[in-house]
């Protein structure tokens, strides 16, 4: 049974909330909206 989610973002700070929204969509389908989401963003360098 899932207890936590870790998100790794290499797309940029400005996209963090949108990425989180996709995870939350999946959690809602599983009735697990109470689970925590943590993670990190690569903000020092921009990828193509």
ModelCIF file with pLDDT and N, C-alpha, C, O atoms, coordinates in Angstrom:
data_MODEL
#
_entry.id   MODEL 
#
_entity.id                         1 
_entity.type                       polymer 
_entity.pdbx_number_of_molecules   1 
#
_entity_poly.entity_id                      1 
_entity_poly.type                           'polypeptide(L)' 
_entity_poly.nstd_linkage                   no 
_entity_poly.nstd_monomer                   no 
_entity_poly.pdbx_seq_one_letter_code       
;(UNK)(UNK)(UNK)(UNK)(UNK)(UNK)(UNK)(UNK)(UNK)(UNK)(UNK)(UNK)(UNK)(UNK)(UNK)(UNK)
(UNK)(UNK)(UNK)(UNK)(UNK)(UNK)(UNK)(UNK)(UNK)(UNK)(UNK)(UNK)(UNK)(UNK)(UNK)(UNK)
(UNK)(UNK)(UNK)(UNK)(UNK)(UNK)(UNK)(UNK)(UNK)(UNK)(UNK)(UNK)(UNK)(UNK)(UNK)(UNK)
;
_entity_poly.pdbx_seq_one_letter_code_can   XXXXXXXXXXXXXXXXXXXXXXXXXXXXXXXXXXXXXXXXXXXXXXXX 
_entity_poly.pdbx_strand_id                 A 
#
loop_
_entity_poly_seq.entity_id 
_entity_poly_seq.num 
_entity_poly_seq.mon_id 
_entity_poly_seq.hetero 
1 1  UNK n 
1 2  UNK n 
1 3  UNK n 
1 4  UNK n 
1 5  UNK n 
1 6  UNK n 
1 7  UNK n 
1 8  UNK n 
1 9  UNK n 
1 10 UNK n 
1 11 UNK n 
1 12 UNK n 
1 13 UNK n 
1 14 UNK n 
1 15 UNK n 
1 16 UNK n 
1 17 UNK n 
1 18 UNK n 
1 19 UNK n 
1 20 UNK n 
1 21 UNK n 
1 22 UNK n 
1 23 UNK n 
1 24 UNK n 
1 25 UNK n 
1 26 UNK n 
1 27 UNK n 
1 28 UNK n 
1 29 UNK n 
1 30 UNK n 
1 31 UNK n 
1 32 UNK n 
1 33 UNK n 
1 34 UNK n 
1 35 UNK n 
1 36 UNK n 
1 37 UNK n 
1 38 UNK n 
1 39 UNK n 
1 40 UNK n 
1 41 UNK n 
1 42 UNK n 
1 43 UNK n 
1 44 UNK n 
1 45 UNK n 
1 46 UNK n 
1 47 UNK n 
1 48 UNK n 
#
_struct_asym.id          A 
_struct_asym.entity_id   1 
#
loop_
_ma_qa_metric.id 
_ma_qa_metric.mode 
_ma_qa_metric.name 
_ma_qa_metric.software_group_id 
_ma_qa_metric.type 
1 global pLDDT . pLDDT 
2 local  pLDDT . pLDDT 
#
_ma_qa_metric_global.metric_id      1 
_ma_qa_metric_global.metric_value   96.54 
_ma_qa_metric_global.model_id       1 
_ma_qa_metric_global.ordinal_id     1 
#
loop_
_ma_qa_metric_local.label_asym_id 
_ma_qa_metric_local.label_comp_id 
_ma_qa_metric_local.label_seq_id 
_ma_qa_metric_local.metric_id 
_ma_qa_metric_local.metric_value 
_ma_qa_metric_local.model_id 
_ma_qa_metric_local.ordinal_id 
A UNK 1  2 95.00 1 1  
A UNK 2  2 97.00 1 2  
A UNK 3  2 97.00 1 3  
A UNK 4  2 97.00 1 4  
A UNK 5  2 98.00 1 5  
A UNK 6  2 98.00 1 6  
A UNK 7  2 98.00 1 7  
A UNK 8  2 98.00 1 8  
A UNK 9  2 98.00 1 9  
A UNK 10 2 97.00 1 10 
A UNK 11 2 97.00 1 11 
A UNK 12 2 95.00 1 12 
A UNK 13 2 96.00 1 13 
A UNK 14 2 96.00 1 14 
A UNK 15 2 97.00 1 15 
A UNK 16 2 97.00 1 16 
A UNK 17 2 97.00 1 17 
A UNK 18 2 98.00 1 18 
A UNK 19 2 98.00 1 19 
A UNK 20 2 98.00 1 20 
A UNK 21 2 98.00 1 21 
A UNK 22 2 98.00 1 22 
A UNK 23 2 98.00 1 23 
A UNK 24 2 98.00 1 24 
A UNK 25 2 97.00 1 25 
A UNK 26 2 97.00 1 26 
A UNK 27 2 98.00 1 27 
A UNK 28 2 97.00 1 28 
A UNK 29 2 96.00 1 29 
A UNK 30 2 96.00 1 30 
A UNK 31 2 95.00 1 31 
A UNK 32 2 96.00 1 32 
A UNK 33 2 95.00 1 33 
A UNK 34 2 95.00 1 34 
A UNK 35 2 96.00 1 35 
A UNK 36 2 95.00 1 36 
A UNK 37 2 97.00 1 37 
A UNK 38 2 97.00 1 38 
A UNK 39 2 97.00 1 39 
A UNK 40 2 97.00 1 40 
A UNK 41 2 97.00 1 41 
A UNK 42 2 96.00 1 42 
A UNK 43 2 93.00 1 43 
A UNK 44 2 94.00 1 44 
A UNK 45 2 94.00 1 45 
A UNK 46 2 94.00 1 46 
A UNK 47 2 95.00 1 47 
A UNK 48 2 96.00 1 48 
#
loop_
_atom_site.group_PDB 
_atom_site.id 
_atom_site.type_symbol 
_atom_site.label_atom_id 
_atom_site.label_alt_id 
_atom_site.label_comp_id 
_atom_site.label_asym_id 
_atom_site.label_entity_id 
_atom_site.label_seq_id 
_atom_site.pdbx_PDB_ins_code 
_atom_site.Cartn_x 
_atom_site.Cartn_y 
_atom_site.Cartn_z 
_atom_site.occupancy 
_atom_site.B_iso_or_equiv 
_atom_site.pdbx_formal_charge 
_atom_site.auth_seq_id 
_atom_site.auth_comp_id 
_atom_site.auth_asym_id 
_atom_site.auth_atom_id 
_atom_site.pdbx_PDB_model_num 
ATOM 1   N N  . UNK A 1 1  ? 0.849  -1.181 0.000   1.00 95.00 ? 1  UNK A N  1 
ATOM 2   C CA . UNK A 1 1  ? 0.000  0.000  0.000   1.00 95.00 ? 1  UNK A CA 1 
ATOM 3   C C  . UNK A 1 1  ? 0.892  1.240  0.000   1.00 95.00 ? 1  UNK A C  1 
ATOM 4   O O  . UNK A 1 1  ? 1.725  1.386  0.894   1.00 95.00 ? 1  UNK A O  1 
ATOM 5   N N  . UNK A 1 2  ? 0.741  2.137  -0.976  1.00 97.00 ? 2  UNK A N  1 
ATOM 6   C CA . UNK A 1 2  ? 1.594  3.326  -1.054  1.00 97.00 ? 2  UNK A CA 1 
ATOM 7   C C  . UNK A 1 2  ? 1.467  4.204  0.187   1.00 97.00 ? 2  UNK A C  1 
ATOM 8   O O  . UNK A 1 2  ? 0.380  4.370  0.740   1.00 97.00 ? 2  UNK A O  1 
ATOM 9   N N  . UNK A 1 3  ? 2.609  4.766  0.616   1.00 97.00 ? 3  UNK A N  1 
ATOM 10  C CA . UNK A 1 3  ? 2.602  5.656  1.784   1.00 97.00 ? 3  UNK A CA 1 
ATOM 11  C C  . UNK A 1 3  ? 3.211  7.020  1.475   1.00 97.00 ? 3  UNK A C  1 
ATOM 12  O O  . UNK A 1 3  ? 2.963  7.977  2.209   1.00 97.00 ? 3  UNK A O  1 
ATOM 13  N N  . UNK A 1 4  ? 4.008  7.135  0.399   1.00 97.00 ? 4  UNK A N  1 
ATOM 14  C CA . UNK A 1 4  ? 4.625  8.423  0.074   1.00 97.00 ? 4  UNK A CA 1 
ATOM 15  C C  . UNK A 1 4  ? 5.131  8.417  -1.358  1.00 97.00 ? 4  UNK A C  1 
ATOM 16  O O  . UNK A 1 4  ? 5.396  7.362  -1.936  1.00 97.00 ? 4  UNK A O  1 
ATOM 17  N N  . UNK A 1 5  ? 5.263  9.620  -1.925  1.00 98.00 ? 5  UNK A N  1 
ATOM 18  C CA . UNK A 1 5  ? 5.729  9.779  -3.309  1.00 98.00 ? 5  UNK A CA 1 
ATOM 19  C C  . UNK A 1 5  ? 6.867  10.786 -3.358  1.00 98.00 ? 5  UNK A C  1 
ATOM 20  O O  . UNK A 1 5  ? 6.831  11.816 -2.684  1.00 98.00 ? 5  UNK A O  1 
ATOM 21  N N  . UNK A 1 6  ? 7.877  10.476 -4.164  1.00 98.00 ? 6  UNK A N  1 
ATOM 22  C CA . UNK A 1 6  ? 9.008  11.381 -4.379  1.00 98.00 ? 6  UNK A CA 1 
ATOM 23  C C  . UNK A 1 6  ? 9.049  11.739 -5.866  1.00 98.00 ? 6  UNK A C  1 
ATOM 24  O O  . UNK A 1 6  ? 9.040  10.859 -6.727  1.00 98.00 ? 6  UNK A O  1 
ATOM 25  N N  . UNK A 1 7  ? 9.096  13.037 -6.153  1.00 98.00 ? 7  UNK A N  1 
ATOM 26  C CA . UNK A 1 7  ? 9.074  13.532 -7.528  1.00 98.00 ? 7  UNK A CA 1 
ATOM 27  C C  . UNK A 1 7  ? 10.401 14.189 -7.867  1.00 98.00 ? 7  UNK A C  1 
ATOM 28  O O  . UNK A 1 7  ? 10.867 15.059 -7.132  1.00 98.00 ? 7  UNK A O  1 
ATOM 29  N N  . UNK A 1 8  ? 11.021 13.778 -8.987  1.00 98.00 ? 8  UNK A N  1 
ATOM 30  C CA . UNK A 1 8  ? 12.271 14.358 -9.462  1.00 98.00 ? 8  UNK A CA 1 
ATOM 31  C C  . UNK A 1 8  ? 11.987 15.160 -10.728 1.00 98.00 ? 8  UNK A C  1 
ATOM 32  O O  . UNK A 1 8  ? 11.559 14.607 -11.741 1.00 98.00 ? 8  UNK A O  1 
ATOM 33  N N  . UNK A 1 9  ? 12.227 16.465 -10.661 1.00 98.00 ? 9  UNK A N  1 
ATOM 34  C CA . UNK A 1 9  ? 11.869 17.384 -11.741 1.00 98.00 ? 9  UNK A CA 1 
ATOM 35  C C  . UNK A 1 9  ? 13.114 17.976 -12.397 1.00 98.00 ? 9  UNK A C  1 
ATOM 36  O O  . UNK A 1 9  ? 13.871 18.707 -11.759 1.00 98.00 ? 9  UNK A O  1 
ATOM 37  N N  . UNK A 1 10 ? 13.320 17.656 -13.670 1.00 97.00 ? 10 UNK A N  1 
ATOM 38  C CA . UNK A 1 10 ? 14.428 18.236 -14.436 1.00 97.00 ? 10 UNK A CA 1 
ATOM 39  C C  . UNK A 1 10 ? 13.908 19.161 -15.532 1.00 97.00 ? 10 UNK A C  1 
ATOM 40  O O  . UNK A 1 10 ? 14.624 19.472 -16.484 1.00 97.00 ? 10 UNK A O  1 
ATOM 41  N N  . UNK A 1 11 ? 12.649 19.602 -15.390 1.00 97.00 ? 11 UNK A N  1 
ATOM 42  C CA . UNK A 1 11 ? 12.006 20.419 -16.419 1.00 97.00 ? 11 UNK A CA 1 
ATOM 43  C C  . UNK A 1 11 ? 12.088 21.917 -16.119 1.00 97.00 ? 11 UNK A C  1 
ATOM 44  O O  . UNK A 1 11 ? 11.982 22.744 -17.024 1.00 97.00 ? 11 UNK A O  1 
ATOM 45  N N  . UNK A 1 12 ? 12.278 22.258 -14.840 1.00 95.00 ? 12 UNK A N  1 
ATOM 46  C CA . UNK A 1 12 ? 12.338 23.662 -14.443 1.00 95.00 ? 12 UNK A CA 1 
ATOM 47  C C  . UNK A 1 12 ? 11.382 23.966 -13.319 1.00 95.00 ? 12 UNK A C  1 
ATOM 48  O O  . UNK A 1 12 ? 10.339 23.326 -13.183 1.00 95.00 ? 12 UNK A O  1 
ATOM 49  N N  . UNK A 1 13 ? 11.751 24.972 -12.490 1.00 96.00 ? 13 UNK A N  1 
ATOM 50  C CA . UNK A 1 13 ? 10.928 25.361 -11.339 1.00 96.00 ? 13 UNK A CA 1 
ATOM 51  C C  . UNK A 1 13 ? 9.494  25.696 -11.722 1.00 96.00 ? 13 UNK A C  1 
ATOM 52  O O  . UNK A 1 13 ? 8.559  25.378 -10.988 1.00 96.00 ? 13 UNK A O  1 
ATOM 53  N N  . UNK A 1 14 ? 9.325  26.340 -12.873 1.00 96.00 ? 14 UNK A N  1 
ATOM 54  C CA . UNK A 1 14 ? 8.009  26.830 -13.256 1.00 96.00 ? 14 UNK A CA 1 
ATOM 55  C C  . UNK A 1 14 ? 7.012  25.711 -13.531 1.00 96.00 ? 14 UNK A C  1 
ATOM 56  O O  . UNK A 1 14 ? 5.809  25.956 -13.617 1.00 96.00 ? 14 UNK A O  1 
ATOM 57  N N  . UNK A 1 15 ? 7.513  24.475 -13.670 1.00 97.00 ? 15 UNK A N  1 
ATOM 58  C CA . UNK A 1 15 ? 6.624  23.358 -13.994 1.00 97.00 ? 15 UNK A CA 1 
ATOM 59  C C  . UNK A 1 15 ? 6.332  22.453 -12.803 1.00 97.00 ? 15 UNK A C  1 
ATOM 60  O O  . UNK A 1 15 ? 5.623  21.456 -12.943 1.00 97.00 ? 15 UNK A O  1 
ATOM 61  N N  . UNK A 1 16 ? 6.870  22.788 -11.634 1.00 97.00 ? 16 UNK A N  1 
ATOM 62  C CA . UNK A 1 16 ? 6.688  21.925 -10.469 1.00 97.00 ? 16 UNK A CA 1 
ATOM 63  C C  . UNK A 1 16 ? 5.212  21.683 -10.142 1.00 97.00 ? 16 UNK A C  1 
ATOM 64  O O  . UNK A 1 16 ? 4.797  20.538 -9.962  1.00 97.00 ? 16 UNK A O  1 
ATOM 65  N N  . UNK A 1 17 ? 4.430  22.744 -10.065 1.00 97.00 ? 17 UNK A N  1 
ATOM 66  C CA . UNK A 1 17 ? 3.023  22.605 -9.680  1.00 97.00 ? 17 UNK A CA 1 
ATOM 67  C C  . UNK A 1 17 ? 2.253  21.743 -10.672 1.00 97.00 ? 17 UNK A C  1 
ATOM 68  O O  . UNK A 1 17 ? 1.394  20.955 -10.278 1.00 97.00 ? 17 UNK A O  1 
ATOM 69  N N  . UNK A 1 18 ? 2.559  21.891 -11.954 1.00 98.00 ? 18 UNK A N  1 
ATOM 70  C CA . UNK A 1 18 ? 1.863  21.089 -12.959 1.00 98.00 ? 18 UNK A CA 1 
ATOM 71  C C  . UNK A 1 18 ? 2.242  19.618 -12.832 1.00 98.00 ? 18 UNK A C  1 
ATOM 72  O O  . UNK A 1 18 ? 1.390  18.742 -12.984 1.00 98.00 ? 18 UNK A O  1 
ATOM 73  N N  . UNK A 1 19 ? 3.509  19.342 -12.554 1.00 98.00 ? 19 UNK A N  1 
ATOM 74  C CA . UNK A 1 19 ? 3.938  17.964 -12.345 1.00 98.00 ? 19 UNK A CA 1 
ATOM 75  C C  . UNK A 1 19 ? 3.258  17.362 -11.113 1.00 98.00 ? 19 UNK A C  1 
ATOM 76  O O  . UNK A 1 19 ? 2.820  16.212 -11.138 1.00 98.00 ? 19 UNK A O  1 
ATOM 77  N N  . UNK A 1 20 ? 3.176  18.135 -10.054 1.00 98.00 ? 20 UNK A N  1 
ATOM 78  C CA . UNK A 1 20 ? 2.493  17.661 -8.842  1.00 98.00 ? 20 UNK A CA 1 
ATOM 79  C C  . UNK A 1 20 ? 1.021  17.365 -9.137  1.00 98.00 ? 20 UNK A C  1 
ATOM 80  O O  . UNK A 1 20 ? 0.456  16.411 -8.602  1.00 98.00 ? 20 UNK A O  1 
ATOM 81  N N  . UNK A 1 21 ? 0.407  18.185 -9.988  1.00 98.00 ? 21 UNK A N  1 
ATOM 82  C CA . UNK A 1 21 ? -1.011 17.982 -10.297 1.00 98.00 ? 21 UNK A CA 1 
ATOM 83  C C  . UNK A 1 21 ? -1.245 16.640 -10.984 1.00 98.00 ? 21 UNK A C  1 
ATOM 84  O O  . UNK A 1 21 ? -2.287 16.017 -10.780 1.00 98.00 ? 21 UNK A O  1 
ATOM 85  N N  . UNK A 1 22 ? -0.290 16.187 -11.797 1.00 98.00 ? 22 UNK A N  1 
ATOM 86  C CA . UNK A 1 22 ? -0.422 14.885 -12.448 1.00 98.00 ? 22 UNK A CA 1 
ATOM 87  C C  . UNK A 1 22 ? -0.363 13.751 -11.448 1.00 98.00 ? 22 UNK A C  1 
ATOM 88  O O  . UNK A 1 22 ? -1.121 12.786 -11.552 1.00 98.00 ? 22 UNK A O  1 
ATOM 89  N N  . UNK A 1 23 ? 0.538  13.861 -10.474 1.00 98.00 ? 23 UNK A N  1 
ATOM 90  C CA . UNK A 1 23 ? 0.623  12.848 -9.414  1.00 98.00 ? 23 UNK A CA 1 
ATOM 91  C C  . UNK A 1 23 ? -0.666 12.851 -8.593  1.00 98.00 ? 23 UNK A C  1 
ATOM 92  O O  . UNK A 1 23 ? -1.192 11.793 -8.247  1.00 98.00 ? 23 UNK A O  1 
ATOM 93  N N  . UNK A 1 24 ? -1.165 14.038 -8.286  1.00 98.00 ? 24 UNK A N  1 
ATOM 94  C CA . UNK A 1 24 ? -2.403 14.131 -7.501  1.00 98.00 ? 24 UNK A CA 1 
ATOM 95  C C  . UNK A 1 24 ? -3.591 13.541 -8.249  1.00 98.00 ? 24 UNK A C  1 
ATOM 96  O O  . UNK A 1 24 ? -4.500 12.983 -7.634  1.00 98.00 ? 24 UNK A O  1 
ATOM 97  N N  . UNK A 1 25 ? -3.588 13.661 -9.558  1.00 97.00 ? 25 UNK A N  1 
ATOM 98  C CA . UNK A 1 25 ? -4.657 13.048 -10.353 1.00 97.00 ? 25 UNK A CA 1 
ATOM 99  C C  . UNK A 1 25 ? -4.654 11.538 -10.148 1.00 97.00 ? 25 UNK A C  1 
ATOM 100 O O  . UNK A 1 25 ? -5.706 10.931 -9.947  1.00 97.00 ? 25 UNK A O  1 
ATOM 101 N N  . UNK A 1 26 ? -3.459 10.929 -10.200 1.00 97.00 ? 26 UNK A N  1 
ATOM 102 C CA . UNK A 1 26 ? -3.363 9.489  -9.972  1.00 97.00 ? 26 UNK A CA 1 
ATOM 103 C C  . UNK A 1 26 ? -3.760 9.101  -8.562  1.00 97.00 ? 26 UNK A C  1 
ATOM 104 O O  . UNK A 1 26 ? -4.440 8.093  -8.366  1.00 97.00 ? 26 UNK A O  1 
ATOM 105 N N  . UNK A 1 27 ? -3.346 9.885  -7.579  1.00 98.00 ? 27 UNK A N  1 
ATOM 106 C CA . UNK A 1 27 ? -3.707 9.612  -6.188  1.00 98.00 ? 27 UNK A CA 1 
ATOM 107 C C  . UNK A 1 27 ? -5.224 9.677  -5.992  1.00 98.00 ? 27 UNK A C  1 
ATOM 108 O O  . UNK A 1 27 ? -5.795 8.880  -5.248  1.00 98.00 ? 27 UNK A O  1 
ATOM 109 N N  . UNK A 1 28 ? -5.865 10.625 -6.660  1.00 97.00 ? 28 UNK A N  1 
ATOM 110 C CA . UNK A 1 28 ? -7.317 10.753 -6.544  1.00 97.00 ? 28 UNK A CA 1 
ATOM 111 C C  . UNK A 1 28 ? -8.015 9.519  -7.099  1.00 97.00 ? 28 UNK A C  1 
ATOM 112 O O  . UNK A 1 28 ? -9.026 9.082  -6.549  1.00 97.00 ? 28 UNK A O  1 
ATOM 113 N N  . UNK A 1 29 ? -7.492 8.954  -8.176  1.00 96.00 ? 29 UNK A N  1 
ATOM 114 C CA . UNK A 1 29 ? -8.083 7.754  -8.767  1.00 96.00 ? 29 UNK A CA 1 
ATOM 115 C C  . UNK A 1 29 ? -7.960 6.556  -7.831  1.00 96.00 ? 29 UNK A C  1 
ATOM 116 O O  . UNK A 1 29 ? -8.730 5.600  -7.932  1.00 96.00 ? 29 UNK A O  1 
ATOM 117 N N  . UNK A 1 30 ? -7.002 6.611  -6.932  1.00 96.00 ? 30 UNK A N  1 
ATOM 118 C CA . UNK A 1 30 ? -6.779 5.522  -5.979  1.00 96.00 ? 30 UNK A CA 1 
ATOM 119 C C  . UNK A 1 30 ? -7.348 5.837  -4.592  1.00 96.00 ? 30 UNK A C  1 
ATOM 120 O O  . UNK A 1 30 ? -7.193 5.050  -3.658  1.00 96.00 ? 30 UNK A O  1 
ATOM 121 N N  . UNK A 1 31 ? -8.001 6.984  -4.466  1.00 95.00 ? 31 UNK A N  1 
ATOM 122 C CA . UNK A 1 31 ? -8.507 7.443  -3.163  1.00 95.00 ? 31 UNK A CA 1 
ATOM 123 C C  . UNK A 1 31 ? -7.392 7.538  -2.132  1.00 95.00 ? 31 UNK A C  1 
ATOM 124 O O  . UNK A 1 31 ? -7.553 7.136  -0.980  1.00 95.00 ? 31 UNK A O  1 
ATOM 125 N N  . UNK A 1 32 ? -6.255 8.080  -2.570  1.00 96.00 ? 32 UNK A N  1 
ATOM 126 C CA . UNK A 1 32 ? -5.086 8.231  -1.699  1.00 96.00 ? 32 UNK A CA 1 
ATOM 127 C C  . UNK A 1 32 ? -4.640 9.694  -1.637  1.00 96.00 ? 32 UNK A C  1 
ATOM 128 O O  . UNK A 1 32 ? -3.444 9.980  -1.583  1.00 96.00 ? 32 UNK A O  1 
ATOM 129 N N  . UNK A 1 33 ? -5.590 10.602 -1.644  1.00 95.00 ? 33 UNK A N  1 
ATOM 130 C CA . UNK A 1 33 ? -5.258 12.021 -1.700  1.00 95.00 ? 33 UNK A CA 1 
ATOM 131 C C  . UNK A 1 33 ? -4.559 12.520 -0.440  1.00 95.00 ? 33 UNK A C  1 
ATOM 132 O O  . UNK A 1 33 ? -4.023 13.628 -0.431  1.00 95.00 ? 33 UNK A O  1 
ATOM 133 N N  . UNK A 1 34 ? -4.557 11.720 0.619   1.00 95.00 ? 34 UNK A N  1 
ATOM 134 C CA . UNK A 1 34 ? -3.903 12.131 1.867   1.00 95.00 ? 34 UNK A CA 1 
ATOM 135 C C  . UNK A 1 34 ? -2.386 11.912 1.836   1.00 95.00 ? 34 UNK A C  1 
ATOM 136 O O  . UNK A 1 34 ? -1.686 12.387 2.730   1.00 95.00 ? 34 UNK A O  1 
ATOM 137 N N  . UNK A 1 35 ? -1.876 11.216 0.847   1.00 96.00 ? 35 UNK A N  1 
ATOM 138 C CA . UNK A 1 35 ? -0.446 10.896 0.824   1.00 96.00 ? 35 UNK A CA 1 
ATOM 139 C C  . UNK A 1 35 ? 0.400  12.130 0.527   1.00 96.00 ? 35 UNK A C  1 
ATOM 140 O O  . UNK A 1 35 ? -0.008 13.017 -0.222  1.00 96.00 ? 35 UNK A O  1 
ATOM 141 N N  . UNK A 1 36 ? 1.586  12.168 1.131   1.00 95.00 ? 36 UNK A N  1 
ATOM 142 C CA . UNK A 1 36 ? 2.498  13.295 0.943   1.00 95.00 ? 36 UNK A CA 1 
ATOM 143 C C  . UNK A 1 36 ? 3.302  13.146 -0.343  1.00 95.00 ? 36 UNK A C  1 
ATOM 144 O O  . UNK A 1 36 ? 3.609  12.036 -0.778  1.00 95.00 ? 36 UNK A O  1 
ATOM 145 N N  . UNK A 1 37 ? 3.635  14.283 -0.940  1.00 97.00 ? 37 UNK A N  1 
ATOM 146 C CA . UNK A 1 37 ? 4.485  14.323 -2.138  1.00 97.00 ? 37 UNK A CA 1 
ATOM 147 C C  . UNK A 1 37 ? 5.673  15.217 -1.818  1.00 97.00 ? 37 UNK A C  1 
ATOM 148 O O  . UNK A 1 37 ? 5.502  16.381 -1.454  1.00 97.00 ? 37 UNK A O  1 
ATOM 149 N N  . UNK A 1 38 ? 6.872  14.676 -1.953  1.00 97.00 ? 38 UNK A N  1 
ATOM 150 C CA . UNK A 1 38 ? 8.077  15.476 -1.784  1.00 97.00 ? 38 UNK A CA 1 
ATOM 151 C C  . UNK A 1 38 ? 8.929  15.343 -3.045  1.00 97.00 ? 38 UNK A C  1 
ATOM 152 O O  . UNK A 1 38 ? 8.534  14.652 -3.985  1.00 97.00 ? 38 UNK A O  1 
ATOM 153 N N  . UNK A 1 39 ? 10.076 15.987 -3.075  1.00 97.00 ? 39 UNK A N  1 
ATOM 154 C CA . UNK A 1 39 ? 10.928 15.863 -4.247  1.00 97.00 ? 39 UNK A CA 1 
ATOM 155 C C  . UNK A 1 39 ? 11.894 17.014 -4.400  1.00 97.00 ? 39 UNK A C  1 
ATOM 156 O O  . UNK A 1 39 ? 12.130 17.778 -3.464  1.00 97.00 ? 39 UNK A O  1 
ATOM 157 N N  . UNK A 1 40 ? 12.455 17.129 -5.603  1.00 97.00 ? 40 UNK A N  1 
ATOM 158 C CA . UNK A 1 40 ? 13.483 18.134 -5.856  1.00 97.00 ? 40 UNK A CA 1 
ATOM 159 C C  . UNK A 1 40 ? 13.439 18.561 -7.316  1.00 97.00 ? 40 UNK A C  1 
ATOM 160 O O  . UNK A 1 40 ? 13.013 17.808 -8.191  1.00 97.00 ? 40 UNK A O  1 
ATOM 161 N N  . UNK A 1 41 ? 13.893 19.799 -7.558  1.00 97.00 ? 41 UNK A N  1 
ATOM 162 C CA . UNK A 1 41 ? 13.956 20.346 -8.913  1.00 97.00 ? 41 UNK A CA 1 
ATOM 163 C C  . UNK A 1 41 ? 15.383 20.722 -9.256  1.00 97.00 ? 41 UNK A C  1 
ATOM 164 O O  . UNK A 1 41 ? 16.077 21.328 -8.439  1.00 97.00 ? 41 UNK A O  1 
ATOM 165 N N  . UNK A 1 42 ? 15.830 20.372 -10.451 1.00 96.00 ? 42 UNK A N  1 
ATOM 166 C CA . UNK A 1 42 ? 17.109 20.855 -10.958 1.00 96.00 ? 42 UNK A CA 1 
ATOM 167 C C  . UNK A 1 42 ? 16.906 22.295 -11.420 1.00 96.00 ? 42 UNK A C  1 
ATOM 168 O O  . UNK A 1 42 ? 16.330 22.546 -12.478 1.00 96.00 ? 42 UNK A O  1 
ATOM 169 N N  . UNK A 1 43 ? 17.395 23.244 -10.603 1.00 93.00 ? 43 UNK A N  1 
ATOM 170 C CA . UNK A 1 43 ? 17.187 24.660 -10.912 1.00 93.00 ? 43 UNK A CA 1 
ATOM 171 C C  . UNK A 1 43 ? 18.490 25.392 -11.247 1.00 93.00 ? 43 UNK A C  1 
ATOM 172 O O  . UNK A 1 43 ? 18.465 26.574 -11.589 1.00 93.00 ? 43 UNK A O  1 
ATOM 173 N N  . UNK A 1 44 ? 19.614 24.703 -11.152 1.00 94.00 ? 44 UNK A N  1 
ATOM 174 C CA . UNK A 1 44 ? 20.895 25.340 -11.480 1.00 94.00 ? 44 UNK A CA 1 
ATOM 175 C C  . UNK A 1 44 ? 21.166 25.368 -12.979 1.00 94.00 ? 44 UNK A C  1 
ATOM 176 O O  . UNK A 1 44 ? 21.839 26.270 -13.479 1.00 94.00 ? 44 UNK A O  1 
ATOM 177 N N  . UNK A 1 45 ? 20.638 24.375 -13.691 1.00 94.00 ? 45 UNK A N  1 
ATOM 178 C CA . UNK A 1 45 ? 20.902 24.275 -15.121 1.00 94.00 ? 45 UNK A CA 1 
ATOM 179 C C  . UNK A 1 45 ? 19.593 24.021 -15.864 1.00 94.00 ? 45 UNK A C  1 
ATOM 180 O O  . UNK A 1 45 ? 18.673 23.397 -15.335 1.00 94.00 ? 45 UNK A O  1 
ATOM 181 N N  . UNK A 1 46 ? 19.528 24.515 -17.097 1.00 94.00 ? 46 UNK A N  1 
ATOM 182 C CA . UNK A 1 46 ? 18.342 24.336 -17.928 1.00 94.00 ? 46 UNK A CA 1 
ATOM 183 C C  . UNK A 1 46 ? 18.609 23.273 -18.976 1.00 94.00 ? 46 UNK A C  1 
ATOM 184 O O  . UNK A 1 46 ? 19.600 23.340 -19.703 1.00 94.00 ? 46 UNK A O  1 
ATOM 185 N N  . UNK A 1 47 ? 17.722 22.293 -19.051 1.00 95.00 ? 47 UNK A N  1 
ATOM 186 C CA . UNK A 1 47 ? 17.866 21.211 -20.020 1.00 95.00 ? 47 UNK A CA 1 
ATOM 187 C C  . UNK A 1 47 ? 17.025 21.486 -21.258 1.00 95.00 ? 47 UNK A C  1 
ATOM 188 O O  . UNK A 1 47 ? 15.973 22.121 -21.180 1.00 95.00 ? 47 UNK A O  1 
ATOM 189 N N  . UNK A 1 48 ? 17.502 21.001 -22.401 1.00 96.00 ? 48 UNK A N  1 
ATOM 190 C CA . UNK A 1 48 ? 16.791 21.221 -23.660 1.00 96.00 ? 48 UNK A CA 1 
ATOM 191 C C  . UNK A 1 48 ? 15.626 20.256 -23.837 1.00 96.00 ? 48 UNK A C  1 
ATOM 192 O O  . UNK A 1 48 ? 14.926 20.312 -24.848 1.00 96.00 ? 48 UNK A O  1 
#
